[in-house]
Amino acid sequence: MLDAVIVGRVIQNYREKCNLSQDVVSGLADIGRTHLSAIERGVRKPTLETFFKLAEALNIEPHKLMKMIEDELIK
């Protein structure tokens, strides 16, 4: 089962690794900052479209971001 908290944590950790703020990433992904915050906190799960937008905003291929999430789910 997909854990929203893990999804959010992976996205947040990668965003922080890239030294990007929520404002910048949400702007690039064309979603609200509060929406991104809710995703990162595990309150909301991103839709497939939002996931792809976030991957593009973070300059990472979606399958690589998904692999990072899968690796965390296995732990």
N, C-alpha and C. Protein backbone atom coordinates (compact mmCIF):
# COMPACT_ATOMS: atom_id res chain seq x y z
N MET A 1 0.84 -1.18 0.00
CA MET A 1 0.00 0.00 0.00
C MET A 1 0.90 1.25 0.00
N LEU A 2 0.50 2.21 -0.76
CA LEU A 2 1.26 3.46 -0.87
C LEU A 2 1.05 4.30 0.37
N ASP A 3 2.12 4.64 1.05
CA ASP A 3 2.08 5.43 2.28
C ASP A 3 2.32 6.90 1.94
N ALA A 4 1.32 7.74 2.17
CA ALA A 4 1.41 9.16 1.82
C ALA A 4 2.53 9.86 2.56
N VAL A 5 2.81 9.43 3.79
CA VAL A 5 3.88 10.07 4.58
C VAL A 5 5.24 9.80 3.92
N ILE A 6 5.46 8.59 3.46
CA ILE A 6 6.72 8.25 2.81
C ILE A 6 6.86 9.00 1.49
N VAL A 7 5.78 9.05 0.72
CA VAL A 7 5.81 9.80 -0.55
C VAL A 7 6.21 11.23 -0.28
N GLY A 8 5.55 11.84 0.70
CA GLY A 8 5.84 13.23 1.03
C GLY A 8 7.25 13.44 1.52
N ARG A 9 7.72 12.52 2.35
CA ARG A 9 9.08 12.64 2.90
C ARG A 9 10.13 12.57 1.79
N VAL A 10 9.93 11.65 0.85
CA VAL A 10 10.89 11.52 -0.26
C VAL A 10 10.90 12.80 -1.11
N ILE A 11 9.72 13.32 -1.42
CA ILE A 11 9.64 14.54 -2.21
C ILE A 11 10.29 15.70 -1.46
N GLN A 12 9.99 15.83 -0.18
CA GLN A 12 10.58 16.90 0.62
C GLN A 12 12.09 16.77 0.71
N ASN A 13 12.57 15.56 0.98
CA ASN A 13 14.02 15.36 1.10
C ASN A 13 14.73 15.69 -0.21
N TYR A 14 14.15 15.29 -1.32
CA TYR A 14 14.78 15.58 -2.61
C TYR A 14 14.75 17.08 -2.89
N ARG A 15 13.63 17.72 -2.57
CA ARG A 15 13.52 19.18 -2.77
C ARG A 15 14.58 19.90 -1.95
N GLU A 16 14.74 19.49 -0.70
CA GLU A 16 15.73 20.12 0.18
C GLU A 16 17.15 19.83 -0.30
N LYS A 17 17.39 18.62 -0.80
CA LYS A 17 18.70 18.25 -1.36
C LYS A 17 19.06 19.17 -2.53
N CYS A 18 18.04 19.58 -3.27
CA CYS A 18 18.24 20.48 -4.41
C CYS A 18 18.28 21.95 -3.99
N ASN A 19 18.16 22.19 -2.69
CA ASN A 19 18.16 23.56 -2.15
C ASN A 19 17.07 24.42 -2.76
N LEU A 20 15.88 23.84 -2.90
CA LEU A 20 14.75 24.57 -3.45
C LEU A 20 13.69 24.76 -2.37
N SER A 21 13.06 25.91 -2.37
CA SER A 21 11.99 26.18 -1.41
C SER A 21 10.67 25.62 -1.93
N GLN A 22 9.72 25.50 -1.03
CA GLN A 22 8.38 25.07 -1.44
C GLN A 22 7.79 26.08 -2.42
N ASP A 23 8.05 27.36 -2.19
CA ASP A 23 7.53 28.39 -3.10
C ASP A 23 8.03 28.19 -4.52
N VAL A 24 9.31 27.93 -4.66
CA VAL A 24 9.91 27.75 -5.99
C VAL A 24 9.35 26.50 -6.66
N VAL A 25 9.35 25.38 -5.95
CA VAL A 25 8.89 24.12 -6.54
C VAL A 25 7.40 24.18 -6.88
N SER A 26 6.60 24.72 -5.98
CA SER A 26 5.17 24.81 -6.26
C SER A 26 4.90 25.72 -7.46
N GLY A 27 5.68 26.79 -7.58
CA GLY A 27 5.54 27.67 -8.73
C GLY A 27 5.91 26.98 -10.03
N LEU A 28 7.02 26.26 -10.02
CA LEU A 28 7.45 25.53 -11.22
C LEU A 28 6.47 24.42 -11.59
N ALA A 29 5.85 23.81 -10.58
CA ALA A 29 4.92 22.71 -10.82
C ALA A 29 3.49 23.21 -11.06
N ASP A 30 3.29 24.50 -10.90
CA ASP A 30 1.97 25.11 -11.09
C ASP A 30 0.92 24.51 -10.15
N ILE A 31 1.33 24.34 -8.88
CA ILE A 31 0.39 23.93 -7.83
C ILE A 31 0.56 24.92 -6.68
N GLY A 32 -0.39 24.95 -5.79
CA GLY A 32 -0.30 25.85 -4.65
C GLY A 32 0.75 25.39 -3.65
N ARG A 33 1.36 26.36 -2.96
CA ARG A 33 2.36 26.01 -1.96
C ARG A 33 1.73 25.19 -0.83
N THR A 34 0.51 25.53 -0.45
CA THR A 34 -0.15 24.77 0.62
C THR A 34 -0.45 23.34 0.17
N HIS A 35 -0.71 23.16 -1.12
CA HIS A 35 -0.91 21.81 -1.66
C HIS A 35 0.39 21.01 -1.55
N LEU A 36 1.50 21.62 -1.95
CA LEU A 36 2.80 20.96 -1.84
C LEU A 36 3.10 20.64 -0.38
N SER A 37 2.83 21.58 0.50
CA SER A 37 3.06 21.35 1.92
C SER A 37 2.26 20.15 2.43
N ALA A 38 1.00 20.06 2.01
CA ALA A 38 0.16 18.94 2.43
C ALA A 38 0.70 17.61 1.89
N ILE A 39 1.21 17.62 0.68
CA ILE A 39 1.82 16.41 0.10
C ILE A 39 3.05 16.02 0.91
N GLU A 40 3.91 16.99 1.19
CA GLU A 40 5.14 16.70 1.92
C GLU A 40 4.87 16.22 3.34
N ARG A 41 3.78 16.67 3.95
CA ARG A 41 3.43 16.24 5.30
C ARG A 41 2.68 14.92 5.31
N GLY A 42 2.33 14.41 4.13
CA GLY A 42 1.62 13.15 4.04
C GLY A 42 0.12 13.27 4.28
N VAL A 43 -0.39 14.50 4.24
CA VAL A 43 -1.82 14.74 4.42
C VAL A 43 -2.57 14.44 3.13
N ARG A 44 -1.92 14.67 2.01
CA ARG A 44 -2.52 14.42 0.69
C ARG A 44 -1.55 13.60 -0.14
N LYS A 45 -2.11 12.76 -1.00
CA LYS A 45 -1.30 12.02 -1.98
C LYS A 45 -1.39 12.78 -3.30
N PRO A 46 -0.27 12.92 -4.00
CA PRO A 46 -0.34 13.61 -5.29
C PRO A 46 -1.02 12.74 -6.33
N THR A 47 -1.79 13.37 -7.21
CA THR A 47 -2.32 12.65 -8.36
C THR A 47 -1.15 12.32 -9.27
N LEU A 48 -1.39 11.48 -10.25
CA LEU A 48 -0.33 11.14 -11.20
C LEU A 48 0.14 12.40 -11.93
N GLU A 49 -0.80 13.25 -12.32
CA GLU A 49 -0.44 14.49 -13.01
C GLU A 49 0.42 15.38 -12.11
N THR A 50 0.03 15.52 -10.85
CA THR A 50 0.80 16.35 -9.92
C THR A 50 2.17 15.74 -9.67
N PHE A 51 2.23 14.42 -9.58
CA PHE A 51 3.52 13.74 -9.39
C PHE A 51 4.47 14.07 -10.54
N PHE A 52 3.97 14.01 -11.77
CA PHE A 52 4.80 14.33 -12.93
C PHE A 52 5.21 15.80 -12.92
N LYS A 53 4.31 16.68 -12.54
CA LYS A 53 4.64 18.11 -12.45
C LYS A 53 5.73 18.35 -11.42
N LEU A 54 5.63 17.68 -10.28
CA LEU A 54 6.64 17.84 -9.24
C LEU A 54 7.99 17.29 -9.69
N ALA A 55 7.98 16.15 -10.36
CA ALA A 55 9.23 15.59 -10.87
C ALA A 55 9.88 16.56 -11.84
N GLU A 56 9.09 17.13 -12.73
CA GLU A 56 9.63 18.10 -13.68
C GLU A 56 10.18 19.33 -12.95
N ALA A 57 9.45 19.81 -11.98
CA ALA A 57 9.90 20.98 -11.22
C ALA A 57 11.19 20.69 -10.46
N LEU A 58 11.36 19.44 -10.04
CA LEU A 58 12.56 19.04 -9.32
C LEU A 58 13.67 18.58 -10.25
N ASN A 59 13.39 18.61 -11.56
CA ASN A 59 14.38 18.24 -12.57
C ASN A 59 14.88 16.80 -12.39
N ILE A 60 13.91 15.91 -12.18
CA ILE A 60 14.22 14.49 -12.04
C ILE A 60 13.20 13.71 -12.87
N GLU A 61 13.62 12.64 -13.48
CA GLU A 61 12.70 11.82 -14.25
C GLU A 61 11.72 11.16 -13.28
N PRO A 62 10.43 11.14 -13.62
CA PRO A 62 9.42 10.60 -12.71
C PRO A 62 9.72 9.18 -12.22
N HIS A 63 10.24 8.33 -13.11
CA HIS A 63 10.51 6.95 -12.68
C HIS A 63 11.62 6.89 -11.63
N LYS A 64 12.55 7.84 -11.68
CA LYS A 64 13.62 7.86 -10.67
C LYS A 64 13.08 8.31 -9.32
N LEU A 65 12.18 9.29 -9.35
CA LEU A 65 11.55 9.73 -8.11
C LEU A 65 10.70 8.60 -7.53
N MET A 66 9.98 7.89 -8.39
CA MET A 66 9.17 6.76 -7.94
C MET A 66 10.05 5.66 -7.37
N LYS A 67 11.19 5.42 -7.96
CA LYS A 67 12.12 4.40 -7.45
C LYS A 67 12.59 4.77 -6.05
N MET A 68 12.83 6.05 -5.83
CA MET A 68 13.23 6.50 -4.49
C MET A 68 12.12 6.21 -3.48
N ILE A 69 10.89 6.43 -3.89
CA ILE A 69 9.75 6.15 -3.02
C ILE A 69 9.64 4.64 -2.77
N GLU A 70 9.77 3.85 -3.83
CA GLU A 70 9.71 2.39 -3.68
C GLU A 70 10.79 1.88 -2.72
N ASP A 71 11.99 2.43 -2.84
CA ASP A 71 13.09 2.01 -1.96
C ASP A 71 12.76 2.31 -0.50
N GLU A 72 12.14 3.44 -0.24
CA GLU A 72 11.74 3.80 1.12
C GLU A 72 10.63 2.90 1.63
N LEU A 73 9.70 2.52 0.76
CA LEU A 73 8.59 1.66 1.16
C LEU A 73 9.10 0.27 1.55
N ILE A 74 10.17 -0.18 0.92
CA ILE A 74 10.72 -1.51 1.19
C ILE A 74 11.41 -1.57 2.54
N LYS A 75 11.98 -0.45 2.96
CA LYS A 75 12.74 -0.43 4.23
C LYS A 75 11.86 -0.77 5.42
